Amino acid sequence: MTTKPLARFWQALEDIPEATADRREWSLRLKDDWPEVVSYLTEAGRLAGEIACPSPGDDGCPRKVVKHGDGRYRAVCGNKPAECDPIELTVEEITYVTLDRKKLASAVCKILDAVPEPYVRPQRSVSFVGSHGVAAGLEIPVILLIPGPMTEVSLATLPDSDRPSAILIPTPGSIPNEIRMSLRAAGHHVLALNDICCLDSKHRLVGVQPADVLLATLREKLLASRAPKKSGRAWNLPAGTRWENVTFEFIAKEVLLVKVRGQPTRRIEPDQFGMKSKHSGKPTGAWTLLRSIVHRRGELTWTPSKTVSVRRQKQILSRKLVELFGIKDDPLPAGPGESYVARFSTIYSVRTLKTDDNEVSS
């Protein structure tokens, strides 16, 4: 696949305040790259009142744009006497054009294999644009940072600044080195668009390497920080795993088989889920409730006298399952009437089940 670097485009984003200038200035800066990157720009809805002078000097610069009675536009020197000849302009040349941040954000998300954020705000120098999934419930925020020459950048300007993020800037020089160092010290990973992407033959931005390579440093750190011994997770499931992909099968009162689509089946006992009492050595109420839900084919109902205790145990179980599997949604949402209905699938292979406070006879 034929690709082309876009050094002029990224440099223009670094140099032009708010990434907004008249079409004439963009085309002069981008030169031969203009036809290929114009799709990443959009009209700003107004005309320029002045343009940059080809030979800048004195207080008469930049040149003022004057509209004549016949509809023609001309840029004139502000010095008296004039030091430069006037420039004839078209309305297209003086139309303000700005970076299409939503389109650039969409392209960045494709390059980094990220789920796009649907509400990217235009004209923002710093925007959260999406999330790269590392494992179930474990994501890397992707932030597009285009400060230009006018915006001060610090940790306080970043959304989700307390979460390790991938921060995309136009070129390595887009932010001062001390700011880059502070971002890295805070756990963020700074990537220059000039280094990680280019234009393909269909004028689309593409990555020079796969997303998991570009984000390898952050991915490794996050996975290490969420290792089971530290986080309490049963294991790190693939990004995008849902409760609907999980099946719980009890083959004995204290033996659970956990099946996740595309993953090896695991044999779990209460202590491996942190659901065994250290004092009595017996399964906790959360384990008992889970077994009862599986036995009842994923639906839990109760009598009014047990409402408070069942709801309390359900909250404990839901919180524990989210912690163990990293899937954010509530695994046991409320069902019709007084009930909870499991999002996961259930199989109960135990022949008998003694009745206790949270269970029913089989």
Protein backbone atom coordinates (compact mmCIF):
# COMPACT_ATOMS: atom_id res chain seq x y z
CA MET A 1 0.00 0.00 0.00
CA THR A 2 1.36 3.39 -1.04
CA THR A 3 1.47 5.90 1.80
CA LYS A 4 2.59 9.49 2.16
CA PRO A 5 3.74 11.45 5.23
CA LEU A 6 1.97 14.72 6.04
CA ALA A 7 4.67 16.82 7.65
CA ARG A 8 3.24 20.11 6.29
CA PHE A 9 -0.26 19.36 7.60
CA TRP A 10 0.86 18.50 11.13
CA GLN A 11 3.17 21.52 11.20
CA ALA A 12 0.30 23.76 10.10
CA LEU A 13 -1.81 22.48 13.01
CA GLU A 14 1.04 23.41 15.30
CA ASP A 15 1.53 26.89 13.82
CA ILE A 16 -1.99 28.17 13.03
CA PRO A 17 -3.91 29.56 16.04
CA GLU A 18 -7.00 27.42 16.76
CA ALA A 19 -6.24 25.55 13.50
CA THR A 20 -8.33 28.18 11.70
CA ALA A 21 -7.17 30.37 8.80
CA ASP A 22 -8.30 31.55 5.39
CA ARG A 23 -8.24 29.00 2.58
CA ARG A 24 -5.44 30.91 0.85
CA GLU A 25 -3.12 30.56 3.87
CA TRP A 26 -3.89 26.84 4.25
CA SER A 27 -3.14 26.19 0.58
CA LEU A 28 0.12 28.17 0.73
CA ARG A 29 1.24 26.24 3.81
CA LEU A 30 0.21 22.82 2.56
CA LYS A 31 1.41 23.29 -1.05
CA ASP A 32 1.06 19.98 -2.94
CA ASP A 33 -0.55 18.32 0.10
CA TRP A 34 -3.60 20.61 -0.05
CA PRO A 35 -5.80 18.46 -2.37
CA GLU A 36 -5.08 15.36 -0.29
CA VAL A 37 -5.86 16.75 3.17
CA VAL A 38 -8.60 19.26 2.36
CA SER A 39 -11.17 16.64 3.38
CA TYR A 40 -9.92 17.01 6.98
CA LEU A 41 -10.79 20.71 6.90
CA THR A 42 -14.21 22.38 6.96
CA GLU A 43 -15.48 25.90 6.31
CA ALA A 44 -15.84 28.02 9.44
CA GLY A 45 -18.72 30.14 8.10
CA ARG A 46 -17.01 33.54 7.85
CA LEU A 47 -14.65 35.55 5.64
CA ALA A 48 -11.21 36.82 6.54
CA GLY A 49 -10.82 40.58 7.12
CA GLU A 50 -7.08 40.41 6.51
CA ILE A 51 -4.51 38.05 5.02
CA ALA A 52 -0.84 37.39 5.66
CA CYS A 53 1.45 39.55 3.57
CA PRO A 54 3.82 37.74 1.17
CA SER A 55 6.56 40.17 2.25
CA PRO A 56 5.75 41.08 5.85
CA GLY A 57 7.07 44.23 7.45
CA ASP A 58 6.03 47.39 9.33
CA ASP A 59 2.65 48.16 10.88
CA GLY A 60 0.78 47.79 7.57
CA CYS A 61 0.86 43.99 7.87
CA PRO A 62 -1.14 41.88 7.62
CA ARG A 63 -2.93 43.17 4.55
CA LYS A 64 -6.51 44.36 4.93
CA VAL A 65 -9.17 42.79 2.73
CA VAL A 66 -11.34 45.34 0.93
CA LYS A 67 -14.56 44.54 -0.92
CA HIS A 68 -15.25 46.64 -3.98
CA GLY A 69 -18.66 47.64 -5.25
CA ASP A 70 -18.52 45.17 -8.12
CA GLY A 71 -18.09 42.25 -5.65
CA ARG A 72 -14.34 41.86 -6.16
CA TYR A 73 -12.04 41.45 -3.16
CA ARG A 74 -8.56 42.91 -2.87
CA ALA A 75 -5.86 42.78 -0.18
CA VAL A 76 -4.17 46.16 0.19
CA CYS A 77 -1.09 47.28 2.03
CA GLY A 78 -1.80 49.28 5.16
CA ASN A 79 1.31 51.41 4.93
CA LYS A 80 1.16 54.91 3.56
CA PRO A 81 2.46 55.13 1.00
CA ALA A 82 1.76 51.51 0.12
CA GLU A 83 4.88 49.38 -0.02
CA CYS A 84 3.33 46.35 -1.76
CA ASP A 85 1.08 45.90 -4.76
CA PRO A 86 -2.53 44.88 -4.02
CA ILE A 87 -3.53 41.23 -4.40
CA GLU A 88 -6.74 40.25 -6.19
CA LEU A 89 -8.66 37.61 -4.23
CA THR A 90 -11.66 35.36 -4.71
CA VAL A 91 -14.30 34.78 -2.04
CA GLU A 92 -13.11 31.16 -1.81
CA GLU A 93 -9.57 32.30 -0.97
CA ILE A 94 -10.69 34.46 1.96
CA THR A 95 -13.17 31.95 3.36
CA TYR A 96 -12.08 30.79 6.80
CA VAL A 97 -11.35 27.07 7.00
CA THR A 98 -10.80 25.11 10.20
CA LEU A 99 -9.69 21.66 11.18
CA ASP A 100 -12.54 19.13 11.13
CA ARG A 101 -11.80 17.81 14.60
CA LYS A 102 -14.59 15.23 14.52
CA LYS A 103 -13.25 13.69 11.32
CA LEU A 104 -9.69 13.71 12.62
CA ALA A 105 -10.90 12.17 15.89
CA SER A 106 -12.66 9.41 13.94
CA ALA A 107 -9.48 8.67 11.97
CA VAL A 108 -7.39 8.61 15.16
CA CYS A 109 -9.80 6.13 16.74
CA LYS A 110 -9.49 3.80 13.75
CA ILE A 111 -5.70 4.00 13.91
CA LEU A 112 -5.70 3.20 17.64
CA ASP A 113 -8.53 0.64 17.47
CA ALA A 114 -10.59 2.77 19.86
CA VAL A 115 -14.34 3.05 20.37
CA PRO A 116 -15.18 6.63 19.31
CA GLU A 117 -16.68 9.14 21.71
CA PRO A 118 -19.87 10.37 19.98
CA TYR A 119 -19.74 13.91 21.38
CA VAL A 120 -16.39 15.35 20.27
CA ARG A 121 -16.71 19.11 20.58
CA PRO A 122 -15.50 21.25 17.67
CA GLN A 123 -13.02 24.04 18.30
CA ARG A 124 -11.64 22.45 21.44
CA SER A 125 -7.85 22.27 21.75
CA VAL A 126 -8.18 19.26 24.08
CA SER A 127 -10.79 16.56 23.46
CA PHE A 128 -11.50 13.07 24.75
CA VAL A 129 -12.17 11.22 21.48
CA GLY A 130 -12.47 7.53 22.39
CA SER A 131 -11.26 4.51 24.36
CA HIS A 132 -8.91 1.70 23.37
CA GLY A 133 -10.01 -1.57 24.99
CA VAL A 134 -7.24 -3.57 26.68
CA ALA A 135 -9.36 -6.09 28.57
CA ALA A 136 -12.92 -6.29 29.88
CA GLY A 137 -13.47 -3.14 31.94
CA LEU A 138 -9.94 -1.91 31.20
CA GLU A 139 -9.57 0.92 28.69
CA ILE A 140 -7.08 3.54 27.59
CA PRO A 141 -8.64 7.00 27.08
CA VAL A 142 -7.56 8.59 23.79
CA ILE A 143 -7.12 12.36 23.95
CA LEU A 144 -6.57 14.64 20.96
CA LEU A 145 -4.45 17.65 21.93
CA ILE A 146 -3.98 20.40 19.35
CA PRO A 147 -2.88 23.45 21.32
CA GLY A 148 -1.49 25.50 18.44
CA PRO A 149 0.72 28.47 19.34
CA MET A 150 -1.77 30.08 21.74
CA THR A 151 -2.90 27.49 24.31
CA GLU A 152 -1.16 26.71 27.59
CA VAL A 153 -1.16 22.98 28.34
CA SER A 154 -0.94 21.30 31.74
CA LEU A 155 -2.28 18.22 33.49
CA ALA A 156 -5.25 20.29 34.62
CA THR A 157 -6.35 20.83 31.00
CA LEU A 158 -6.72 17.10 30.32
CA PRO A 159 -10.00 15.21 30.71
CA ASP A 160 -9.60 12.06 32.85
CA SER A 161 -6.14 13.29 33.82
CA ASP A 162 -5.98 10.75 36.65
CA ARG A 163 -6.23 7.81 34.20
CA PRO A 164 -3.25 6.77 32.05
CA SER A 165 -4.16 8.06 28.58
CA ALA A 166 -2.86 8.08 25.02
CA ILE A 167 -2.35 11.75 24.14
CA LEU A 168 -2.11 12.60 20.44
CA ILE A 169 -0.32 15.82 19.41
CA PRO A 170 0.50 17.03 15.86
CA THR A 171 4.32 16.98 16.11
CA PRO A 172 6.89 16.33 18.85
CA GLY A 173 7.30 20.11 19.14
CA SER A 174 3.59 20.83 19.74
CA ILE A 175 4.11 20.99 23.52
CA PRO A 176 7.15 22.06 25.55
CA ASN A 177 9.49 19.29 26.66
CA GLU A 178 8.81 19.96 30.35
CA ILE A 179 5.08 19.43 29.77
CA ARG A 180 5.78 16.22 27.89
CA MET A 181 7.92 15.01 30.81
CA SER A 182 5.19 15.84 33.34
CA LEU A 183 2.60 13.94 31.26
CA ARG A 184 4.85 10.89 31.11
CA ALA A 185 5.55 11.10 34.83
CA ALA A 186 1.79 11.04 35.43
CA GLY A 187 1.54 7.79 33.46
CA HIS A 188 0.33 9.15 30.12
CA HIS A 189 1.73 8.12 26.74
CA VAL A 190 2.36 10.98 24.28
CA LEU A 191 2.26 10.17 20.55
CA ALA A 192 2.95 12.57 17.68
CA LEU A 193 0.59 12.19 14.72
CA ASN A 194 3.50 13.11 12.47
CA ASP A 195 5.23 9.91 13.66
CA ILE A 196 2.40 7.39 13.88
CA CYS A 197 0.26 7.96 10.79
CA CYS A 198 0.34 8.84 7.11
CA LEU A 199 -2.02 9.16 4.16
CA ASP A 200 -2.93 6.18 1.97
CA SER A 201 -3.74 6.22 -1.76
CA LYS A 202 -7.41 6.97 -0.98
CA HIS A 203 -6.51 10.03 1.11
CA ARG A 204 -7.29 8.26 4.40
CA LEU A 205 -5.17 8.55 7.52
CA VAL A 206 -3.71 5.17 8.48
CA GLY A 207 -1.33 4.04 11.19
CA VAL A 208 2.26 3.12 10.45
CA GLN A 209 1.96 0.27 12.99
CA PRO A 210 -0.90 -1.70 14.57
CA ALA A 211 -2.65 -0.15 17.56
CA ASP A 212 -1.37 -2.73 20.05
CA VAL A 213 2.19 -1.85 19.00
CA LEU A 214 1.65 1.91 19.17
CA LEU A 215 0.10 1.55 22.63
CA ALA A 216 2.26 -1.34 23.85
CA THR A 217 3.79 0.62 26.73
CA LEU A 218 0.43 1.65 28.18
CA ARG A 219 -1.16 -1.74 27.58
CA GLU A 220 1.62 -3.55 29.44
CA LYS A 221 1.48 -1.17 32.40
CA LEU A 222 -2.29 -1.41 32.70
CA LEU A 223 -2.36 -5.20 32.45
CA ALA A 224 0.39 -5.45 35.06
CA SER A 225 -1.52 -3.13 37.39
CA ARG A 226 -4.63 -5.30 37.00
CA ALA A 227 -2.94 -8.62 37.60
CA PRO A 228 -5.24 -10.95 39.61
CA LYS A 229 -3.09 -10.86 42.74
CA LYS A 230 -3.43 -7.07 42.88
CA SER A 231 -6.90 -6.39 41.54
CA GLY A 232 -8.87 -9.41 42.73
CA ARG A 233 -9.90 -10.29 39.18
CA ALA A 234 -10.46 -13.89 38.22
CA TRP A 235 -8.65 -13.14 34.95
CA ASN A 236 -8.41 -10.40 32.33
CA LEU A 237 -11.08 -11.07 29.72
CA PRO A 238 -10.89 -9.67 26.16
CA ALA A 239 -12.06 -6.11 25.65
CA GLY A 240 -15.75 -5.98 24.76
CA THR A 241 -16.68 -9.11 26.75
CA ARG A 242 -20.26 -8.88 28.03
CA TRP A 243 -22.14 -10.82 30.68
CA GLU A 244 -24.12 -12.40 27.86
CA ASN A 245 -20.85 -14.11 26.81
CA VAL A 246 -20.46 -15.75 30.25
CA THR A 247 -21.98 -19.03 31.45
CA PHE A 248 -21.94 -20.25 35.06
CA GLU A 249 -22.38 -23.99 35.55
CA PHE A 250 -22.44 -25.57 39.01
CA ILE A 251 -21.32 -29.18 38.92
CA ALA A 252 -21.17 -29.45 42.74
CA LYS A 253 -22.21 -27.18 45.59
CA GLU A 254 -18.69 -25.76 45.83
CA VAL A 255 -17.50 -26.29 42.26
CA LEU A 256 -18.34 -23.79 39.52
CA LEU A 257 -17.37 -24.00 35.86
CA VAL A 258 -17.02 -20.58 34.24
CA LYS A 259 -17.28 -20.51 30.46
CA VAL A 260 -16.52 -17.36 28.50
CA ARG A 261 -16.90 -17.29 24.74
CA GLY A 262 -13.53 -17.82 23.09
CA GLN A 263 -11.77 -18.62 26.40
CA PRO A 264 -10.85 -21.92 28.09
CA THR A 265 -13.37 -23.13 30.70
CA ARG A 266 -12.20 -22.56 34.28
CA ARG A 267 -13.00 -24.59 37.38
CA ILE A 268 -13.64 -22.29 40.34
CA GLU A 269 -14.17 -22.98 44.04
CA PRO A 270 -15.34 -20.45 46.66
CA ASP A 271 -11.88 -19.49 47.93
CA GLN A 272 -10.69 -18.65 44.40
CA PHE A 273 -13.49 -16.09 44.15
CA GLY A 274 -12.84 -14.80 47.67
CA MET A 275 -16.19 -16.24 48.72
CA LYS A 276 -15.11 -18.50 51.59
CA SER A 277 -15.27 -17.39 55.23
CA LYS A 278 -11.85 -17.29 56.89
CA HIS A 279 -13.45 -18.10 60.22
CA SER A 280 -15.85 -20.95 59.44
CA GLY A 281 -14.29 -22.18 56.21
CA LYS A 282 -17.74 -22.23 54.63
CA PRO A 283 -18.88 -20.41 51.45
CA THR A 284 -20.07 -16.85 52.01
CA GLY A 285 -23.58 -15.62 51.41
CA ALA A 286 -22.51 -14.27 47.99
CA TRP A 287 -21.49 -17.78 46.83
CA THR A 288 -24.71 -19.26 48.20
CA LEU A 289 -26.77 -16.60 46.44
CA LEU A 290 -24.91 -17.17 43.17
CA ARG A 291 -25.59 -20.90 43.40
CA SER A 292 -29.24 -20.23 44.10
CA ILE A 293 -29.54 -17.91 41.08
CA VAL A 294 -27.91 -20.50 38.81
CA HIS A 295 -30.19 -23.20 40.23
CA ARG A 296 -33.22 -21.04 39.43
CA ARG A 297 -32.13 -20.61 35.80
CA GLY A 298 -30.94 -17.06 36.27
CA GLU A 299 -33.95 -15.55 38.01
CA LEU A 300 -34.18 -14.65 41.68
CA THR A 301 -37.48 -13.92 43.44
CA TRP A 302 -38.25 -13.67 47.12
CA THR A 303 -40.99 -13.21 49.68
CA PRO A 304 -41.59 -9.70 51.11
CA SER A 305 -40.12 -10.66 54.47
CA LYS A 306 -36.72 -11.30 52.86
CA THR A 307 -36.58 -8.14 50.72
CA VAL A 308 -33.93 -6.31 52.77
CA SER A 309 -31.56 -9.26 53.17
CA VAL A 310 -31.87 -10.42 49.54
CA ARG A 311 -31.21 -6.94 48.18
CA ARG A 312 -28.19 -6.53 50.43
CA GLN A 313 -26.74 -9.89 49.37
CA LYS A 314 -27.48 -9.11 45.71
CA GLN A 315 -25.55 -5.83 45.92
CA ILE A 316 -22.58 -7.65 47.46
CA LEU A 317 -22.69 -10.35 44.78
CA SER A 318 -23.01 -7.89 41.87
CA ARG A 319 -20.12 -5.81 43.17
CA LYS A 320 -17.98 -8.94 43.61
CA LEU A 321 -18.71 -10.27 40.12
CA VAL A 322 -17.87 -6.91 38.51
CA GLU A 323 -14.59 -6.89 40.45
CA LEU A 324 -13.77 -10.48 39.45
CA PHE A 325 -14.53 -10.18 35.74
CA GLY A 326 -14.05 -6.49 34.99
CA ILE A 327 -17.36 -6.26 33.09
CA LYS A 328 -18.88 -2.94 34.12
CA ASP A 329 -22.61 -3.64 33.65
CA ASP A 330 -24.65 -4.95 36.56
CA PRO A 331 -24.77 -8.75 36.10
CA LEU A 332 -28.09 -8.93 38.00
CA PRO A 333 -30.39 -6.09 36.92
CA ALA A 334 -33.91 -5.79 38.30
CA GLY A 335 -36.51 -7.88 36.53
CA PRO A 336 -40.32 -7.70 36.52
CA GLY A 337 -41.93 -7.25 39.89
CA GLU A 338 -39.74 -8.24 42.84
CA SER A 339 -37.01 -10.09 40.97
CA TYR A 340 -33.49 -10.01 39.56
CA VAL A 341 -32.66 -11.58 36.21
CA ALA A 342 -29.09 -12.61 35.39
CA ARG A 343 -27.48 -11.31 32.23
CA PHE A 344 -25.20 -14.38 32.18
CA SER A 345 -26.30 -17.89 31.17
CA THR A 346 -26.77 -20.61 33.79
CA ILE A 347 -26.50 -24.39 33.99
CA TYR A 348 -27.12 -26.36 37.18
CA SER A 349 -25.82 -29.94 37.15
CA VAL A 350 -26.07 -30.67 40.88
CA ARG A 351 -28.75 -33.27 41.63
CA THR A 352 -29.83 -32.03 45.07
CA LEU A 353 -29.74 -28.71 46.78
CA LYS A 354 -30.51 -28.26 50.46
CA THR A 355 -32.78 -25.41 51.41
CA ASP A 356 -31.34 -22.50 53.37
CA ASP A 357 -32.23 -18.84 53.84
CA ASN A 358 -31.37 -17.92 50.25
CA GLU A 359 -32.21 -21.15 48.42
CA VAL A 360 -35.16 -23.33 47.41
CA SER A 361 -35.40 -27.09 47.26
CA SER A 362 -34.86 -28.68 43.85
